[in-house]
Each structure stands twice: as C-alpha cells, then as structure tokens.
Protein backbone atom coordinates (compact mmCIF):
# COMPACT_ATOMS: atom_id res chain seq x y z
CA UNK A 1 177.05 59.03 30.77
CA UNK A 2 177.04 61.26 33.87
CA UNK A 3 180.26 63.10 34.55
CA UNK A 4 179.21 65.61 37.18
CA UNK A 5 182.26 64.99 39.37
CA UNK A 6 184.57 66.13 36.60
CA UNK A 7 182.44 69.23 35.99
CA UNK A 8 182.51 70.13 39.66
CA UNK A 9 186.30 69.89 39.67
CA UNK A 10 186.48 72.52 36.94
CA UNK A 11 183.91 74.67 38.75
CA UNK A 12 185.96 74.52 41.94
CA UNK A 13 189.09 75.52 40.04
CA UNK A 14 187.26 78.48 38.54
CA UNK A 15 186.16 79.56 42.01
CA UNK A 16 189.78 79.45 43.27
CA UNK A 17 191.02 81.45 40.30
CA UNK A 18 188.30 84.03 40.91
CA UNK A 19 189.45 84.51 44.54
CA UNK A 20 193.10 84.79 43.51
CA UNK A 21 192.18 87.31 40.83
CA UNK A 22 190.31 89.43 43.36
CA UNK A 23 193.29 89.44 45.73
CA UNK A 24 195.52 90.62 42.89
CA UNK A 25 193.43 93.43 41.77
CA UNK A 26 158.90 84.02 30.54
CA UNK A 27 154.57 87.66 25.67
CA UNK A 28 154.27 90.79 27.84
CA UNK A 29 153.31 94.41 27.30
CA UNK A 30 154.80 95.63 30.61
CA UNK A 31 158.35 95.88 29.24
CA UNK A 32 158.39 99.68 29.39
CA UNK A 33 157.80 99.61 33.16
CA UNK A 34 160.87 97.44 33.67
CA UNK A 35 163.10 98.84 30.93
CA UNK A 36 165.34 100.79 33.31
CA UNK A 37 165.80 97.86 35.63
CA UNK A 38 166.39 95.48 32.73
CA UNK A 39 168.94 97.84 31.19
CA UNK A 40 170.85 98.01 34.47
CA UNK A 41 170.82 94.21 34.73
CA UNK A 42 172.09 93.93 31.17
CA UNK A 43 174.87 96.45 31.77
CA UNK A 44 176.15 94.61 34.83
CA UNK A 45 175.47 91.12 33.51
CA UNK A 46 172.87 90.51 36.20
CA UNK A 47 173.39 88.65 39.43
CA UNK A 48 175.71 85.74 38.82
CA UNK A 49 176.72 86.95 35.35
CA UNK A 50 179.75 89.13 34.69
CA UNK A 51 180.11 88.68 30.93
CA UNK A 52 182.84 86.11 31.54
CA UNK A 53 180.89 82.95 32.24
CA UNK A 54 179.90 83.72 35.83
CA UNK A 55 176.56 81.91 35.66
CA UNK A 56 178.07 78.88 33.93
CA UNK A 57 180.49 78.39 36.83
CA UNK A 58 177.68 79.06 39.30
CA UNK A 59 175.38 76.45 37.78
CA UNK A 60 178.18 73.88 37.63
CA UNK A 61 179.09 74.50 41.26
CA UNK A 62 175.41 74.35 42.30
CA UNK A 63 174.93 71.09 40.42
CA UNK A 64 171.43 71.86 39.14
CA UNK A 65 169.90 73.99 36.39
CA UNK A 66 166.99 76.28 37.28
CA UNK A 67 164.72 76.25 34.23
CA UNK A 68 161.62 78.44 33.85
CA UNK A 69 158.85 76.50 32.09
CA UNK A 70 155.15 76.32 31.38
CA UNK A 71 153.14 73.61 33.10
CA UNK A 72 149.76 73.99 31.35
CA UNK A 73 150.48 73.32 27.64
CA UNK A 74 150.14 69.66 26.54
CA UNK A 75 153.06 68.52 24.43
CA UNK A 76 155.27 71.48 25.35
CA UNK A 77 155.22 71.96 29.10
CA UNK A 78 152.89 70.01 31.36
CA UNK A 79 153.04 68.70 34.92
CA UNK A 80 151.14 65.57 35.95
CA UNK A 81 149.54 64.62 39.27
CA UNK A 82 152.84 63.18 40.48
CA UNK A 83 154.58 66.49 39.82
CA UNK A 84 156.53 65.17 36.81
CA UNK A 85 157.20 67.65 34.00
CA UNK A 86 157.10 66.60 30.37
CA UNK A 87 157.00 68.13 26.91
CA UNK A 88 159.05 69.62 24.09
CA UNK A 89 160.34 72.59 26.12
CA UNK A 90 161.11 70.35 29.10
CA UNK A 91 163.35 68.23 26.87
CA UNK A 92 165.44 71.29 26.03
CA UNK A 93 165.85 72.07 29.73
CA UNK A 94 167.26 68.56 30.00
CA UNK A 95 169.51 69.10 26.98
CA UNK A 96 171.05 72.18 28.61
CA UNK A 97 171.57 70.30 31.89
CA UNK A 98 173.22 67.43 30.02
CA UNK A 99 175.59 69.82 28.24
CA UNK A 100 176.49 71.90 31.29
CA UNK A 101 176.36 69.29 34.07
CA UNK A 102 176.60 65.96 32.29
CA UNK A 103 173.23 64.99 33.80
CA UNK A 104 169.94 65.62 31.98
CA UNK A 105 167.97 65.03 35.19
CA UNK A 106 169.79 67.73 37.19
CA UNK A 107 167.00 70.28 36.58
CA UNK A 108 164.80 72.26 38.94
CA UNK A 109 161.67 73.41 37.09
CA UNK A 110 160.05 76.73 37.95
CA UNK A 111 156.43 76.90 36.69
CA UNK A 112 155.67 80.23 34.98
CA UNK A 113 152.18 79.73 33.56
CA UNK A 114 151.38 83.44 33.98
CA UNK A 115 153.13 85.23 31.07
CA UNK A 116 153.60 88.34 33.24
CA UNK A 117 156.00 86.47 35.56
CA UNK A 118 158.50 85.02 33.11
CA UNK A 119 160.81 87.97 32.46
CA UNK A 120 160.89 89.16 36.09
CA UNK A 121 161.90 85.60 37.05
CA UNK A 122 164.71 85.74 34.50
CA UNK A 123 165.87 89.25 35.47
CA UNK A 124 165.89 88.50 39.21
CA UNK A 125 168.02 85.37 38.83
CA UNK A 126 165.25 83.07 40.07
CA UNK A 127 165.82 81.02 36.91
CA UNK A 128 168.96 80.45 34.86
CA UNK A 129 167.18 80.04 31.54
CA UNK A 130 163.64 80.57 30.26
CA UNK A 131 162.40 77.74 28.02
CA UNK A 132 158.68 78.39 27.95
CA UNK A 133 156.89 79.01 24.62
CA UNK A 134 158.12 82.61 24.48
CA UNK A 135 158.26 84.53 21.21
CA UNK A 136 161.45 86.32 20.21
CA UNK A 137 160.50 89.95 19.47
CA UNK A 138 162.38 93.25 19.15
CA UNK A 139 160.80 94.81 22.25
CA UNK A 140 161.62 91.80 24.40
CA UNK A 141 165.16 91.67 23.10
CA UNK A 142 165.62 95.38 23.73
CA UNK A 143 163.46 96.05 26.79
CA UNK A 144 163.40 92.93 28.96
CA UNK A 145 167.11 92.42 29.65
CA UNK A 146 166.79 89.10 27.82
CA UNK A 147 168.95 87.49 25.17
CA UNK A 148 167.13 85.12 22.85
CA UNK A 149 169.01 82.12 21.51
CA UNK A 150 168.50 79.49 18.79
CA UNK A 151 164.86 79.03 17.86
CA UNK A 152 163.61 75.58 18.85
CA UNK A 153 160.13 75.85 17.30
CA UNK A 154 158.96 78.04 14.43
CA UNK A 155 155.29 78.75 15.07
CA UNK A 156 152.48 81.09 14.08
CA UNK A 157 149.30 82.36 15.71
CA UNK A 158 145.98 80.79 14.80
CA UNK A 159 142.34 80.50 15.79
CA UNK A 160 140.42 77.56 17.25
CA UNK A 161 136.61 77.25 17.35
CA UNK A 162 134.05 74.60 18.10
CA UNK A 163 133.47 72.25 15.17
CA UNK A 164 129.73 72.98 15.24
CA UNK A 165 130.14 76.77 15.39
CA UNK A 166 129.65 77.28 11.66
CA UNK A 167 132.81 79.40 11.46
CA UNK A 168 135.11 78.45 8.57
CA UNK A 169 137.62 81.30 8.82
CA UNK A 170 138.33 84.48 10.75
CA UNK A 171 136.38 86.42 8.12
CA UNK A 172 133.25 84.68 9.46
CA UNK A 173 133.85 85.91 13.02
CA UNK A 174 132.77 89.55 12.93
CA UNK A 175 131.32 90.68 16.26
CA UNK A 176 132.47 87.59 18.16
CA UNK A 177 134.15 87.21 21.55
CA UNK A 178 137.70 85.85 21.48
CA UNK A 179 139.54 84.26 24.42
CA UNK A 180 143.19 85.34 24.63
CA UNK A 181 146.00 85.24 27.21
CA UNK A 182 146.80 88.57 28.83
CA UNK A 183 150.30 90.00 28.60
CA UNK A 184 151.25 88.21 25.38
CA UNK A 185 152.06 89.09 21.78
CA UNK A 186 148.85 87.22 20.97
CA UNK A 187 146.72 90.22 21.99
CA UNK A 188 148.43 92.59 19.55
CA UNK A 189 148.42 90.03 16.73
CA UNK A 190 144.70 89.43 17.25
CA UNK A 191 143.92 93.15 17.04
CA UNK A 192 146.04 93.51 13.90
CA UNK A 193 144.41 90.54 12.17
CA UNK A 194 140.83 91.65 12.82
CA UNK A 195 141.58 95.28 11.92
CA UNK A 196 143.14 94.20 8.62
CA UNK A 197 139.96 92.28 7.79
CA UNK A 198 137.73 95.17 8.85
CA UNK A 199 136.14 93.09 11.61
CA UNK A 200 135.14 93.88 15.18
CA UNK A 201 135.50 91.57 18.17
CA UNK A 202 135.43 91.53 21.97
CA UNK A 203 138.64 90.28 23.63
CA UNK A 204 138.23 88.23 26.81
CA UNK A 205 141.61 87.99 28.55
CA UNK A 206 142.89 85.48 31.10
CA UNK A 207 146.12 85.16 33.12
CA UNK A 208 146.82 81.51 32.18
CA UNK A 209 145.77 78.74 29.82
CA UNK A 210 143.82 76.81 32.46
CA UNK A 211 141.49 79.72 33.20
CA UNK A 212 141.12 80.45 29.49
CA UNK A 213 140.33 76.83 28.71
CA UNK A 214 137.61 76.68 31.34
CA UNK A 215 135.98 79.82 29.96
CA UNK A 216 136.15 78.49 26.40
CA UNK A 217 134.65 75.14 27.42
CA UNK A 218 131.86 77.01 29.23
CA UNK A 219 130.97 78.90 26.05
CA UNK A 220 132.08 82.33 27.23
CA UNK A 221 133.89 82.99 23.94
CA UNK A 222 133.47 82.01 20.30
CA UNK A 223 137.14 81.54 19.49
CA UNK A 224 140.42 80.77 21.22
CA UNK A 225 143.55 82.34 19.73
CA UNK A 226 147.12 81.35 20.54
CA UNK A 227 150.18 79.84 18.87
CA UNK A 228 149.12 77.00 16.58
CA UNK A 229 151.26 74.55 18.56
CA UNK A 230 149.53 75.51 21.81
CA UNK A 231 146.11 75.24 20.20
CA UNK A 232 147.01 71.74 19.00
CA UNK A 233 148.03 70.82 22.52
CA UNK A 234 144.87 72.19 24.09
CA UNK A 235 142.71 70.55 21.41
CA UNK A 236 144.32 67.16 22.13
CA UNK A 237 143.29 67.43 25.81
CA UNK A 238 139.83 69.02 25.35
CA UNK A 239 137.29 67.36 27.70
CA UNK A 240 134.82 66.70 24.89
CA UNK A 241 137.53 65.21 22.66
CA UNK A 242 139.68 66.77 19.92
CA UNK A 243 137.01 66.29 17.24
CA UNK A 244 134.84 68.85 19.02
CA UNK A 245 137.26 71.59 17.95
CA UNK A 246 138.65 72.90 14.67
CA UNK A 247 141.84 74.93 14.16
CA UNK A 248 141.82 77.22 11.12
CA UNK A 249 144.65 76.70 8.62
CA UNK A 250 145.36 80.45 8.54
CA UNK A 251 148.48 81.45 10.52
CA UNK A 252 148.50 85.22 10.94
CA UNK A 253 151.82 85.90 12.68
CA UNK A 254 155.40 84.71 13.01
CA UNK A 255 156.18 83.18 16.40
CA UNK A 256 159.80 81.98 16.74
CA UNK A 257 159.99 80.21 20.11
CA UNK A 258 163.18 79.36 21.96
CA UNK A 259 165.31 79.78 25.10
CA UNK A 260 166.16 83.15 26.61
CA UNK A 261 168.83 84.06 29.16
CA UNK A 262 169.72 87.30 30.91
CA UNK A 263 171.74 89.83 28.97
CA UNK A 264 175.36 90.38 29.89
CA UNK A 265 176.83 86.87 30.27
CA UNK A 266 178.17 85.79 26.90
CA UNK A 267 179.67 82.49 28.05
CA UNK A 268 176.42 81.32 29.64
CA UNK A 269 174.47 82.35 26.54
CA UNK A 270 176.89 80.44 24.31
CA UNK A 271 176.73 77.31 26.48
CA UNK A 272 172.92 77.23 26.40
CA UNK A 273 172.81 78.09 22.72
CA UNK A 274 175.17 75.31 21.65
CA UNK A 275 173.36 72.77 23.81
CA UNK A 276 170.29 73.49 21.67
CA UNK A 277 172.27 73.60 18.42
CA UNK A 278 173.81 70.22 19.26
CA UNK A 279 170.39 68.55 18.98
CA UNK A 280 169.88 70.08 15.53
CA UNK A 281 173.38 69.23 14.29
CA UNK A 282 173.08 65.67 15.58
CA UNK A 283 169.95 65.10 13.51
CA UNK A 284 171.66 66.50 10.41
CA UNK A 285 174.59 64.11 10.97
CA UNK A 286 172.24 61.17 11.54
CA UNK A 287 173.41 60.79 15.15
CA UNK A 288 170.76 59.44 17.53
CA UNK A 289 170.56 58.33 21.14
CA UNK A 290 170.82 54.76 19.84
CA UNK A 291 173.95 55.11 17.68
CA UNK A 292 175.90 57.96 19.31
CA UNK A 293 178.52 55.65 20.83
CA UNK A 294 179.10 53.99 17.44
CA UNK A 295 179.43 57.39 15.78
CA UNK A 296 182.39 58.25 18.00
CA UNK A 297 184.44 56.02 15.67
CA UNK A 298 183.10 57.59 12.47
CA UNK A 299 185.36 58.20 9.47
CA UNK A 300 183.89 61.71 9.13
CA UNK A 301 186.18 64.26 10.85
CA UNK A 302 183.27 66.69 11.25
CA UNK A 303 181.34 64.07 13.23
CA UNK A 304 184.39 63.24 15.35
CA UNK A 305 184.99 66.93 16.07
CA UNK A 306 181.35 67.40 17.04
CA UNK A 307 181.45 64.42 19.43
CA UNK A 308 184.67 65.53 21.12
CA UNK A 309 186.90 62.83 19.63
CA UNK A 310 190.55 63.59 18.79
CA UNK A 311 190.95 65.15 15.34
CA UNK A 312 194.09 66.55 13.77
CA UNK A 313 193.71 70.31 13.41
CA UNK A 314 196.08 70.26 10.43
CA UNK A 315 198.11 67.73 8.50
CA UNK A 316 200.90 66.25 10.59
CA UNK A 317 199.52 67.59 13.87
CA UNK A 318 198.78 65.35 16.85
CA UNK A 319 195.02 64.57 17.02
CA UNK A 320 193.25 66.13 19.99
CA UNK A 321 189.65 66.95 20.96
CA UNK A 322 188.36 70.20 19.51
CA UNK A 323 187.75 72.91 22.11
CA UNK A 324 185.68 75.84 20.78
CA UNK A 325 186.00 77.75 24.07
CA UNK A 326 182.39 77.32 25.21
CA UNK A 327 183.32 76.35 28.77
CA UNK A 328 181.86 72.87 28.19
CA UNK A 329 183.46 69.43 27.98
CA UNK A 330 184.73 68.67 24.46
CA UNK A 331 182.26 65.75 24.27
CA UNK A 332 179.26 67.59 25.73
CA UNK A 333 177.23 66.70 22.64
CA UNK A 334 177.57 63.00 23.50
CA UNK A 335 175.87 63.64 26.83
CA UNK A 336 173.11 65.67 25.18
CA UNK A 337 172.37 63.08 22.50
CA UNK A 338 172.76 59.94 24.61
CA UNK A 339 170.58 61.28 27.44
CA UNK A 340 168.02 63.40 25.56
CA UNK A 341 168.33 62.64 21.83
CA UNK A 342 168.58 64.69 18.67
CA UNK A 343 166.03 67.29 17.59
CA UNK A 344 163.98 64.81 15.58
CA UNK A 345 163.78 62.38 18.50
CA UNK A 346 162.65 65.16 20.83
CA UNK A 347 160.05 66.39 18.34
CA UNK A 348 158.65 62.96 17.52
CA UNK A 349 158.11 61.83 21.12
CA UNK A 350 156.55 65.08 22.35
CA UNK A 351 154.58 66.77 19.56
CA UNK A 352 155.10 64.72 16.38
CA UNK A 353 152.66 62.72 14.22
CA UNK A 354 152.64 59.79 16.65
CA UNK A 355 151.53 61.93 19.62
CA UNK A 356 148.09 63.34 20.52
CA UNK A 357 149.17 66.69 18.99
CA UNK A 358 150.01 65.04 15.66
CA UNK A 359 152.17 67.89 14.36
CA UNK A 360 154.07 67.32 11.11
CA UNK A 361 157.58 68.77 10.97
CA UNK A 362 156.69 71.42 8.36
CA UNK A 363 158.99 74.41 8.69
CA UNK A 364 160.56 72.79 11.76
CA UNK A 365 162.31 70.30 9.46
CA UNK A 366 166.01 70.44 8.66
CA UNK A 367 167.08 72.98 6.03
CA UNK A 368 168.02 70.08 3.77
CA UNK A 369 164.38 68.92 3.92
CA UNK A 370 162.89 72.33 3.16
CA UNK A 371 162.59 73.50 6.78
CA UNK A 372 164.18 76.33 8.76
CA UNK A 373 166.45 74.33 11.10
CA UNK A 374 170.06 75.20 10.31
CA UNK A 375 172.98 74.54 12.65
CA UNK A 376 176.07 76.78 12.34
CA UNK A 377 179.29 74.87 11.59
CA UNK A 378 180.93 73.30 14.66
CA UNK A 379 184.55 74.10 13.96
C-alpha cells in the first residue's frame, strides 16, 4: 500500500506555504567535547529542523529516509555480501519510512559500527534518525543534542565466556582480561560491576564488534561484555558454533534501546515516535500484517481510529478519520503494519525463539503479559 505520490503532494504544499510565509514576514564518553555544539543544534532545531516539522517535510520531499544503523550485530543490524541490511533495528527504520513516506523500502542505511560516530552523524544531519542499539542515558539526552523516543528493546549488560573456561559467574573472573567496545556505556558498567564485587580486571577496548570478535576468538581476552542481546547475536554467529560460548544469566545494568533524533524538531520526533508506537499498539489490538485489511471494518472504535477509518468524534457527529496532528496520513498505521508488521512479528522473525538468537520475549512482552511494552492511548 504505497502512497508516496499523495505524500509528495502534501510536502510540495508545505514548501509553497513556507515560501509565502517568508515573503510575508549513534554509547560515547566524548559528549562533553561536543556539548556546546550539541546545545546550539538543539536551540536552533538543527539543520532541517525548526521545531515545526521542518525535517518531516524535508524527508517527504526527498522521498527517502536516512537511517543510521549498525551493520555488525546479528539479529539487530547486519549487512550481507549483497549489501542487504537486516535485523530488528532495520525493521524499525522500515516502519518509520512506511509511516512517513508510505513505503517501507524507501530507506538509505548509513552504517555506524563505530560508536564514536553515531551522535556526530545525527547532529550534522547526515542521518534523519539513529536506530542502532543505543542506550538512552541522562548524559546523552542532555549532552548530545539527541532526543530519545519510545524504547524498542529493554536490555541489560552481560558477560560471555568460552564454555570450557571454567568461569561460572563474574565473581570467578578476578584478574582476567575483558573485551569491551570503546566509547560505550559498557565500559563504565563493567568498571562498576567489578568494583562492586571487589575484583580487578584488564579492559581491552576495540572500535567495533568485528575487531572485538576477532580478538576474542583469538584468545586475547577471557570475557566479552556487551548488551545481552548483542552477545546472543554474536554467539549465534561464532565460528566455532554457539555451544562453544556461554552467556552468564546475570544482567548488571539497564539498557533501554530505541530511536533517537536531533533535539529541536518536535513534529519529526512525534512522527518517528508514533511510527514505533504503532507497532506496539497493533500487537495489543491483535492487528497483524495478515489481518490488517480485515481490521479496518472492526466493530471496535478504538481500532478504527487507530487505522484511520472514519469514527464519530461524538454522538450525532459525522464520522471522519481521526487526525492527531502528527503530520502523517490518518491511516499511516495501516502502511506500517501491512508492510512491516506489528511488534511481535518484527521480534519473532529477527531475534525471537525461532531465530538463531532464540530470545524469549521476557520484559519485551506487552504490559498485559507482564512485560514493559505499553503504548499510550491513540485518541
């Protein structure tokens, strides 16, 4: 259900109105170095963002979404030999493109495997949105000129070792060497965890997961620490097979992962945010890529409102599609679900029990199933 022509018409109209109006009147420790620049970007809305939906109109006029991603994490962001991107985070790039452009394939992916490059890419306008296993923290929210949106994956940091290492827990790893990505929250969490246990260790840092993985496989370090989801992905693709590695059950940090956009453009942030929320709400409603067209004739007014079907705002009023003022088509959720799927569909085909990662939903289940996923009311 691609409706890009209709979107471009609205974008063109916005451009004309702008001219008439003028005539009438990426887990990084380098945030302090860029704080001034980021603050200036945030104050002005950044290039292409003026706090009034500037980037939304720009993306619609351009016809493609520039999405910053990882390309080295199996299950989340990976590129194959043919240059095709796949994974959990990639699916959310597609969801945003479907919501904003009506076409889930209208995405240009920018690989950002080096954690140090992700926020500069966002601040400079090289990418429109960062969807790349990035933890929402106070310092990043305040010092990187970034606005974090709905969490797509609730994670935690863990430790992975060789199955024959003899290590059963972190408490067994005093005096060991630990592989860790440079410029990430992982470094600080590792130091905190070992200090709390009264243990010493030697950190061995690397700029990206590929270099770290090679060092770990070569025996340069005793443990590999990262988000548990990333460890599961790397374990699934380990050259000696997944059974050669063990991931400890102990999670020693909170790692909420999700999209980030530049500060200062509220309409763009809302558009991206509700594209993500739509996948969560669809699962709660039981709407899938297979039944979404049928659900447009549902007897449930909340479902009809969500799918952009006419609903009477009050008794006696003429039914009309609900417009929440997001700058998106009233039925944008239909495009997201029909082309990408709901949250559960995305999870199951990329990282779920039937994939090499084999991750159960756990805390990433719906709130009604004991998880943390909770969509705000669409009304």
